[in-house]
Amino acid sequence: MAKKSEGTIKAKTIFEHLSGIKEKKIPWESLSEVDKKSFSPFKINRFLSMNIELLPIVDLLQKYTVNKNVTPREVYKLYLDILPKKKSFDKYIKGPTESKYNTELLKYLSNWYKVSYREIEDYLELLPTDEVTSILKKYGLTEKQIKGLMK
């Protein structure tokens, strides 16, 4: 059921929806309208896929559960029926968000090799420092500037 705080109704969080599906087995009909609107099949799939035991099921069903023809109600009921009644801690795995390399460095090398920043990051794992320095010198950078970029 939706939480009330200071006169406004708060929708369930993703974790409360997951708990309702996996642990408490709360039927769709007993959810408030606010909770029904806050249910996102995409987010549910994303979080369920963090559980290695559920991954094959989620992978199999994903093409159907995020389809425009399938309603959130149907997705909720599907997972409610399929998933075992079990409490679990599923660690959310984040991808890397920031590059460990200076953006200016990536810009110069990306321009030099005519590849994307992502590919340049891979190159930097393999390129010797003196080669990178040589390329940067060709762009007219000083030793001090190069040292600043290589940090």
C-alpha atoms as a PDB file:
ATOM      1  CA  MET A   1       0.000   0.000   0.000  1.00  0.00           C
ATOM      2  CA  ALA A   2       1.183   3.538  -0.693  1.00  0.00           C
ATOM      3  CA  LYS A   3       2.791   5.500   2.104  1.00  0.00           C
ATOM      4  CA  LYS A   4       1.355   8.799   3.304  1.00  0.00           C
ATOM      5  CA  SER A   5       3.661  11.608   4.290  1.00  0.00           C
ATOM      6  CA  GLU A   6       2.462  15.103   5.128  1.00  0.00           C
ATOM      7  CA  GLY A   7      -0.829  14.682   3.287  1.00  0.00           C
ATOM      8  CA  THR A   8       0.664  13.387   0.038  1.00  0.00           C
ATOM      9  CA  ILE A   9       0.630   9.775  -1.065  1.00  0.00           C
ATOM     10  CA  LYS A  10       4.027   8.317  -1.870  1.00  0.00           C
ATOM     11  CA  ALA A  11       4.369   5.512  -4.362  1.00  0.00           C
ATOM     12  CA  LYS A  12       6.227   2.310  -3.569  1.00  0.00           C
ATOM     13  CA  THR A  13       9.915   2.222  -4.327  1.00  0.00           C
ATOM     14  CA  ILE A  14      11.443  -0.330  -6.670  1.00  0.00           C
ATOM     15  CA  PHE A  15      12.564  -2.330  -3.633  1.00  0.00           C
ATOM     16  CA  GLU A  16       9.061  -2.394  -2.173  1.00  0.00           C
ATOM     17  CA  HIS A  17       7.700  -3.609  -5.504  1.00  0.00           C
ATOM     18  CA  LEU A  18      10.351  -6.341  -5.623  1.00  0.00           C
ATOM     19  CA  SER A  19       9.493  -7.365  -2.074  1.00  0.00           C
ATOM     20  CA  GLY A  20       5.799  -7.460  -2.983  1.00  0.00           C
ATOM     21  CA  ILE A  21       6.539  -9.767  -5.911  1.00  0.00           C
ATOM     22  CA  LYS A  22       9.189 -12.034  -4.396  1.00  0.00           C
ATOM     23  CA  GLU A  23       8.614 -12.144  -0.642  1.00  0.00           C
ATOM     24  CA  LYS A  24       5.175 -10.955   0.354  1.00  0.00           C
ATOM     25  CA  LYS A  25       3.349 -12.041  -2.825  1.00  0.00           C
ATOM     26  CA  ILE A  26       1.016  -9.032  -2.774  1.00  0.00           C
ATOM     27  CA  PRO A  27      -1.641  -9.296  -5.511  1.00  0.00           C
ATOM     28  CA  TRP A  28      -1.891  -6.513  -8.106  1.00  0.00           C
ATOM     29  CA  GLU A  29      -5.467  -5.721  -7.099  1.00  0.00           C
ATOM     30  CA  SER A  30      -4.421  -4.749  -3.572  1.00  0.00           C
ATOM     31  CA  LEU A  31      -1.967  -2.095  -4.830  1.00  0.00           C
ATOM     32  CA  SER A  32      -3.081   1.538  -4.801  1.00  0.00           C
ATOM     33  CA  GLU A  33      -3.394   3.461  -8.058  1.00  0.00           C
ATOM     34  CA  VAL A  34      -0.199   5.364  -7.232  1.00  0.00           C
ATOM     35  CA  ASP A  35       1.664   2.082  -6.674  1.00  0.00           C
ATOM     36  CA  LYS A  36       0.333   0.640  -9.920  1.00  0.00           C
ATOM     37  CA  LYS A  37       1.557   3.685 -11.835  1.00  0.00           C
ATOM     38  CA  SER A  38       4.989   3.503 -10.199  1.00  0.00           C
ATOM     39  CA  PHE A  39       5.511  -0.127 -11.240  1.00  0.00           C
ATOM     40  CA  SER A  40       8.083  -0.251 -14.055  1.00  0.00           C
ATOM     41  CA  PRO A  41       8.654  -3.578 -15.860  1.00  0.00           C
ATOM     42  CA  PHE A  42      11.995  -2.316 -17.186  1.00  0.00           C
ATOM     43  CA  LYS A  43      13.313  -1.506 -13.694  1.00  0.00           C
ATOM     44  CA  ILE A  44      11.950  -4.747 -12.266  1.00  0.00           C
ATOM     45  CA  ASN A  45      13.731  -6.743 -14.995  1.00  0.00           C
ATOM     46  CA  ARG A  46      16.913  -4.819 -14.358  1.00  0.00           C
ATOM     47  CA  PHE A  47      16.916  -5.516 -10.621  1.00  0.00           C
ATOM     48  CA  LEU A  48      15.758  -9.127 -10.940  1.00  0.00           C
ATOM     49  CA  SER A  49      18.606  -9.789 -13.371  1.00  0.00           C
ATOM     50  CA  MET A  50      21.104  -8.993 -10.597  1.00  0.00           C
ATOM     51  CA  ASN A  51      20.150 -12.312  -8.992  1.00  0.00           C
ATOM     52  CA  ILE A  52      22.155 -15.051 -10.716  1.00  0.00           C
ATOM     53  CA  GLU A  53      19.434 -17.629  -9.976  1.00  0.00           C
ATOM     54  CA  LEU A  54      16.732 -15.513 -11.653  1.00  0.00           C
ATOM     55  CA  LEU A  55      18.822 -14.324 -14.572  1.00  0.00           C
ATOM     56  CA  PRO A  56      17.811 -17.104 -17.013  1.00  0.00           C
ATOM     57  CA  ILE A  57      14.113 -16.521 -16.284  1.00  0.00           C
ATOM     58  CA  VAL A  58      14.382 -12.748 -16.602  1.00  0.00           C
ATOM     59  CA  ASP A  59      16.424 -13.074 -19.786  1.00  0.00           C
ATOM     60  CA  LEU A  60      13.832 -15.379 -21.310  1.00  0.00           C
ATOM     61  CA  LEU A  61      10.865 -13.200 -20.316  1.00  0.00           C
ATOM     62  CA  GLN A  62      12.392  -9.793 -20.989  1.00  0.00           C
ATOM     63  CA  LYS A  63      11.434  -9.678 -24.645  1.00  0.00           C
ATOM     64  CA  TYR A  64       7.804 -10.096 -23.572  1.00  0.00           C
ATOM     65  CA  THR A  65       7.747  -8.043 -20.375  1.00  0.00           C
ATOM     66  CA  VAL A  66       8.978  -4.778 -21.907  1.00  0.00           C
ATOM     67  CA  ASN A  67       6.780  -5.116 -24.976  1.00  0.00           C
ATOM     68  CA  LYS A  68       4.287  -2.297 -25.518  1.00  0.00           C
ATOM     69  CA  ASN A  69       1.455  -4.841 -25.864  1.00  0.00           C
ATOM     70  CA  VAL A  70       2.020  -6.255 -22.370  1.00  0.00           C
ATOM     71  CA  THR A  71       0.679  -4.151 -19.528  1.00  0.00           C
ATOM     72  CA  PRO A  72       2.505  -3.588 -16.225  1.00  0.00           C
ATOM     73  CA  ARG A  73      -0.369  -5.466 -14.570  1.00  0.00           C
ATOM     74  CA  GLU A  74       0.361  -8.569 -16.668  1.00  0.00           C
ATOM     75  CA  VAL A  75       4.098  -8.331 -16.002  1.00  0.00           C
ATOM     76  CA  TYR A  76       3.450  -8.011 -12.261  1.00  0.00           C
ATOM     77  CA  LYS A  77       1.145 -11.035 -12.255  1.00  0.00           C
ATOM     78  CA  LEU A  78       3.588 -13.046 -14.367  1.00  0.00           C
ATOM     79  CA  TYR A  79       6.474 -12.489 -11.960  1.00  0.00           C
ATOM     80  CA  LEU A  80       4.188 -12.950  -8.971  1.00  0.00           C
ATOM     81  CA  ASP A  81       3.255 -16.415 -10.258  1.00  0.00           C
ATOM     82  CA  ILE A  82       6.657 -17.500 -11.587  1.00  0.00           C
ATOM     83  CA  LEU A  83       9.105 -16.311  -8.947  1.00  0.00           C
ATOM     84  CA  PRO A  84       9.566 -18.382  -5.805  1.00  0.00           C
ATOM     85  CA  LYS A  85       8.476 -16.875  -2.502  1.00  0.00           C
ATOM     86  CA  LYS A  86      11.920 -16.152  -1.197  1.00  0.00           C
ATOM     87  CA  LYS A  87      13.773 -13.244   0.350  1.00  0.00           C
ATOM     88  CA  SER A  88      17.118 -12.477  -1.252  1.00  0.00           C
ATOM     89  CA  PHE A  89      19.748  -9.795  -1.294  1.00  0.00           C
ATOM     90  CA  ASP A  90      20.715  -8.976  -4.851  1.00  0.00           C
ATOM     91  CA  LYS A  91      23.707  -6.690  -5.109  1.00  0.00           C
ATOM     92  CA  TYR A  92      23.206  -4.077  -7.800  1.00  0.00           C
ATOM     93  CA  ILE A  93      26.118  -4.086 -10.215  1.00  0.00           C
ATOM     94  CA  LYS A  94      26.993  -0.722 -11.711  1.00  0.00           C
ATOM     95  CA  GLY A  95      29.083  -0.221 -14.767  1.00  0.00           C
ATOM     96  CA  PRO A  96      32.015   2.161 -14.723  1.00  0.00           C
ATOM     97  CA  THR A  97      30.738   5.714 -14.870  1.00  0.00           C
ATOM     98  CA  GLU A  98      33.837   7.808 -15.285  1.00  0.00           C
ATOM     99  CA  SER A  99      36.996   7.465 -17.263  1.00  0.00           C
ATOM    100  CA  LYS A 100      40.224   7.258 -15.320  1.00  0.00           C
ATOM    101  CA  TYR A 101      41.914   9.293 -18.054  1.00  0.00           C
ATOM    102  CA  ASN A 102      41.936  13.032 -18.631  1.00  0.00           C
ATOM    103  CA  THR A 103      39.337  14.132 -21.198  1.00  0.00           C
ATOM    104  CA  GLU A 104      41.852  16.335 -23.030  1.00  0.00           C
ATOM    105  CA  LEU A 105      44.227  13.378 -23.355  1.00  0.00           C
ATOM    106  CA  LEU A 106      41.404  11.252 -24.777  1.00  0.00           C
ATOM    107  CA  LYS A 107      40.519  14.060 -27.195  1.00  0.00           C
ATOM    108  CA  TYR A 108      44.059  14.322 -28.583  1.00  0.00           C
ATOM    109  CA  LEU A 109      44.561  10.585 -28.934  1.00  0.00           C
ATOM    110  CA  SER A 110      41.065  10.019 -30.321  1.00  0.00           C
ATOM    111  CA  ASN A 111      41.777  12.615 -32.991  1.00  0.00           C
ATOM    112  CA  TRP A 112      45.206  11.100 -33.714  1.00  0.00           C
ATOM    113  CA  TYR A 113      43.995   7.517 -34.120  1.00  0.00           C
ATOM    114  CA  LYS A 114      40.542   8.508 -35.496  1.00  0.00           C
ATOM    115  CA  VAL A 115      38.689   6.274 -33.023  1.00  0.00           C
ATOM    116  CA  SER A 116      36.221   6.786 -30.165  1.00  0.00           C
ATOM    117  CA  TYR A 117      37.142   7.780 -26.616  1.00  0.00           C
ATOM    118  CA  ARG A 118      36.204   4.306 -25.431  1.00  0.00           C
ATOM    119  CA  GLU A 119      38.628   2.697 -27.870  1.00  0.00           C
ATOM    120  CA  ILE A 120      41.350   5.144 -26.842  1.00  0.00           C
ATOM    121  CA  GLU A 121      40.913   4.045 -23.227  1.00  0.00           C
ATOM    122  CA  ASP A 122      41.641   0.508 -24.399  1.00  0.00           C
ATOM    123  CA  TYR A 123      44.632   1.742 -26.387  1.00  0.00           C
ATOM    124  CA  LEU A 124      46.000   3.551 -23.338  1.00  0.00           C
ATOM    125  CA  GLU A 125      46.137   0.262 -21.460  1.00  0.00           C
ATOM    126  CA  LEU A 126      48.575  -0.997 -24.115  1.00  0.00           C
ATOM    127  CA  LEU A 127      50.401   2.075 -25.408  1.00  0.00           C
ATOM    128  CA  PRO A 128      53.812   2.843 -23.926  1.00  0.00           C
ATOM    129  CA  THR A 129      54.045   6.220 -22.180  1.00  0.00           C
ATOM    130  CA  ASP A 130      56.809   7.448 -24.507  1.00  0.00           C
ATOM    131  CA  GLU A 131      54.600   6.860 -27.543  1.00  0.00           C
ATOM    132  CA  VAL A 132      51.728   8.832 -25.988  1.00  0.00           C
ATOM    133  CA  THR A 133      54.184  11.608 -25.093  1.00  0.00           C
ATOM    134  CA  SER A 134      55.498  11.640 -28.675  1.00  0.00           C
ATOM    135  CA  ILE A 135      51.969  12.018 -30.091  1.00  0.00           C
ATOM    136  CA  LEU A 136      51.154  14.857 -27.704  1.00  0.00           C
ATOM    137  CA  LYS A 137      54.396  16.662 -28.631  1.00  0.00           C
ATOM    138  CA  LYS A 138      53.287  16.533 -32.280  1.00  0.00           C
ATOM    139  CA  TYR A 139      50.249  18.572 -31.200  1.00  0.00           C
ATOM    140  CA  GLY A 140      52.644  21.203 -29.828  1.00  0.00           C
ATOM    141  CA  LEU A 141      52.149  20.495 -26.134  1.00  0.00           C
ATOM    142  CA  THR A 142      54.933  21.257 -23.669  1.00  0.00           C
ATOM    143  CA  GLU A 143      56.410  18.753 -21.235  1.00  0.00           C
ATOM    144  CA  LYS A 144      54.509  20.441 -18.406  1.00  0.00           C
ATOM    145  CA  GLN A 145      51.180  20.191 -20.261  1.00  0.00           C
ATOM    146  CA  ILE A 146      51.836  16.562 -21.164  1.00  0.00           C
ATOM    147  CA  LYS A 147      52.648  15.740 -17.549  1.00  0.00           C
ATOM    148  CA  GLY A 148      49.357  17.378 -16.487  1.00  0.00           C
ATOM    149  CA  LEU A 149      47.380  15.285 -18.981  1.00  0.00           C
ATOM    150  CA  MET A 150      49.094  12.028 -18.023  1.00  0.00           C
ATOM    151  CA  LYS A 151      48.170  12.232 -14.309  1.00  0.00           C
END
